[in-house]
Each structure stands twice: as C-alpha cells, then as structure tokens.
C-alpha atoms as a PDB file:
ATOM      1  CA  MET A   1      38.465 -82.335 -44.655  1.00  0.00           C
ATOM      2  CA  ALA A   2      37.460 -82.442 -48.339  1.00  0.00           C
ATOM      3  CA  LYS A   3      33.854 -83.104 -47.347  1.00  0.00           C
ATOM      4  CA  GLN A   4      33.665 -79.842 -45.389  1.00  0.00           C
ATOM      5  CA  LYS A   5      34.971 -77.835 -48.344  1.00  0.00           C
ATOM      6  CA  GLY A   6      32.234 -79.226 -50.587  1.00  0.00           C
ATOM      7  CA  GLU A   7      29.465 -78.402 -48.105  1.00  0.00           C
ATOM      8  CA  GLY A   8      30.703 -74.842 -47.619  1.00  0.00           C
ATOM      9  CA  PHE A   9      30.739 -74.214 -51.338  1.00  0.00           C
ATOM     10  CA  ARG A  10      27.189 -75.454 -51.816  1.00  0.00           C
ATOM     11  CA  SER A  11      25.819 -73.368 -48.983  1.00  0.00           C
ATOM     12  CA  GLY A  12      27.723 -70.334 -50.259  1.00  0.00           C
ATOM     13  CA  ALA A  13      26.302 -70.829 -53.741  1.00  0.00           C
ATOM     14  CA  GLY A  14      22.798 -70.910 -52.278  1.00  0.00           C
ATOM     15  CA  LEU A  15      23.385 -67.589 -50.539  1.00  0.00           C
ATOM     16  CA  ILE A  16      24.644 -66.041 -53.752  1.00  0.00           C
ATOM     17  CA  ARG A  17      21.479 -67.160 -55.567  1.00  0.00           C
ATOM     18  CA  TYR A  18      19.331 -65.798 -52.713  1.00  0.00           C
ATOM     19  CA  PHE A  19      20.984 -62.366 -52.734  1.00  0.00           C
ATOM     20  CA  ASP A  20      20.884 -62.155 -56.542  1.00  0.00           C
ATOM     21  CA  ALA A  21      17.129 -62.791 -56.474  1.00  0.00           C
ATOM     22  CA  GLU A  22      16.665 -60.311 -53.627  1.00  0.00           C
ATOM     23  CA  GLU A  23      18.612 -57.605 -55.452  1.00  0.00           C
ATOM     24  CA  LYS A  24      16.323 -57.554 -58.490  1.00  0.00           C
ATOM     25  CA  ALA A  25      13.174 -56.878 -56.437  1.00  0.00           C
ATOM     26  CA  ALA A  26      14.785 -54.670 -53.800  1.00  0.00           C
ATOM     27  CA  PHE A  27      14.092 -50.970 -53.317  1.00  0.00           C
ATOM     28  CA  LYS A  28      17.136 -49.010 -54.503  1.00  0.00           C
ATOM     29  CA  ILE A  29      18.367 -45.781 -52.930  1.00  0.00           C
ATOM     30  CA  ASP A  30      21.014 -43.612 -54.537  1.00  0.00           C
ATOM     31  CA  PRO A  31      24.149 -43.511 -52.340  1.00  0.00           C
ATOM     32  CA  ARG A  32      24.214 -39.711 -52.675  1.00  0.00           C
ATOM     33  CA  VAL A  33      20.769 -39.538 -51.051  1.00  0.00           C
ATOM     34  CA  VAL A  34      22.006 -41.634 -48.119  1.00  0.00           C
ATOM     35  CA  ALA A  35      25.084 -39.400 -47.707  1.00  0.00           C
ATOM     36  CA  ALA A  36      22.943 -36.246 -47.873  1.00  0.00           C
ATOM     37  CA  LEU A  37      20.554 -37.596 -45.231  1.00  0.00           C
ATOM     38  CA  CYS A  38      23.474 -38.436 -42.936  1.00  0.00           C
ATOM     39  CA  ILE A  39      24.936 -34.951 -43.309  1.00  0.00           C
ATOM     40  CA  ALA A  40      21.532 -33.320 -42.767  1.00  0.00           C
ATOM     41  CA  THR A  41      20.957 -35.410 -39.635  1.00  0.00           C
ATOM     42  CA  ALA A  42      24.362 -34.429 -38.246  1.00  0.00           C
ATOM     43  CA  VAL A  43      23.681 -30.733 -38.903  1.00  0.00           C
ATOM     44  CA  ILE A  44      20.281 -30.937 -37.201  1.00  0.00           C
ATOM     45  CA  ILE A  45      21.786 -32.649 -34.152  1.00  0.00           C
ATOM     46  CA  ILE A  46      24.528 -30.003 -33.891  1.00  0.00           C
ATOM     47  CA  LEU A  47      22.004 -27.157 -34.232  1.00  0.00           C
ATOM     48  CA  VAL A  48      19.695 -28.618 -31.601  1.00  0.00           C
ATOM     49  CA  GLY A  49      22.661 -28.952 -29.244  1.00  0.00           C
ATOM     50  CA  LYS A  50      23.573 -25.282 -29.768  1.00  0.00           C
ATOM     51  CA  LEU A  51      19.995 -23.964 -29.468  1.00  0.00           C
ATOM     52  CA  TRP A  52      18.952 -26.060 -26.465  1.00  0.00           C
ATOM     53  CA  PRO A  53      22.066 -26.802 -24.400  1.00  0.00           C
ATOM     54  CA  VAL A  54      21.796 -29.453 -21.705  1.00  0.00           C
ATOM     55  CA  VAL A  55      21.961 -28.000 -18.195  1.00  0.00           C
ATOM     56  CA  SER A  56      23.943 -30.259 -15.887  1.00  0.00           C
ATOM     57  CA  ALA A  57      23.138 -30.228 -12.186  1.00  0.00           C
END
C-alpha cells in the first residue's frame, strides 16, 4: 500500500513539471476574448436560424 502512494506522488510531480514547462511557452489568450467569441458565435447561430429557417417535410 505504501509503495503505491510513493509511485503516484512521483508520477504526479512529473506531470506538474511538464505543465509548468508547457505554460511558459504556451500561447496565451485573454479569457475575455474567449467569452466574447462564444457570445458572438451564439448570436450568429441565432441570427442564421431566424434568417434561414429549416423547412421540415
């Protein structure tokens, strides 16, 4: 049982080091830009649905 705890901690520590290294070189997007794009996409989808309604047979 103690052996499994030790292995989990080491593998978890490796993941933390990997994500820390990835974060420094990663492309960063402002969360407000992501929210604005989501809202704009929703508005476009709603407008397209109103302008070109689907005709069911």
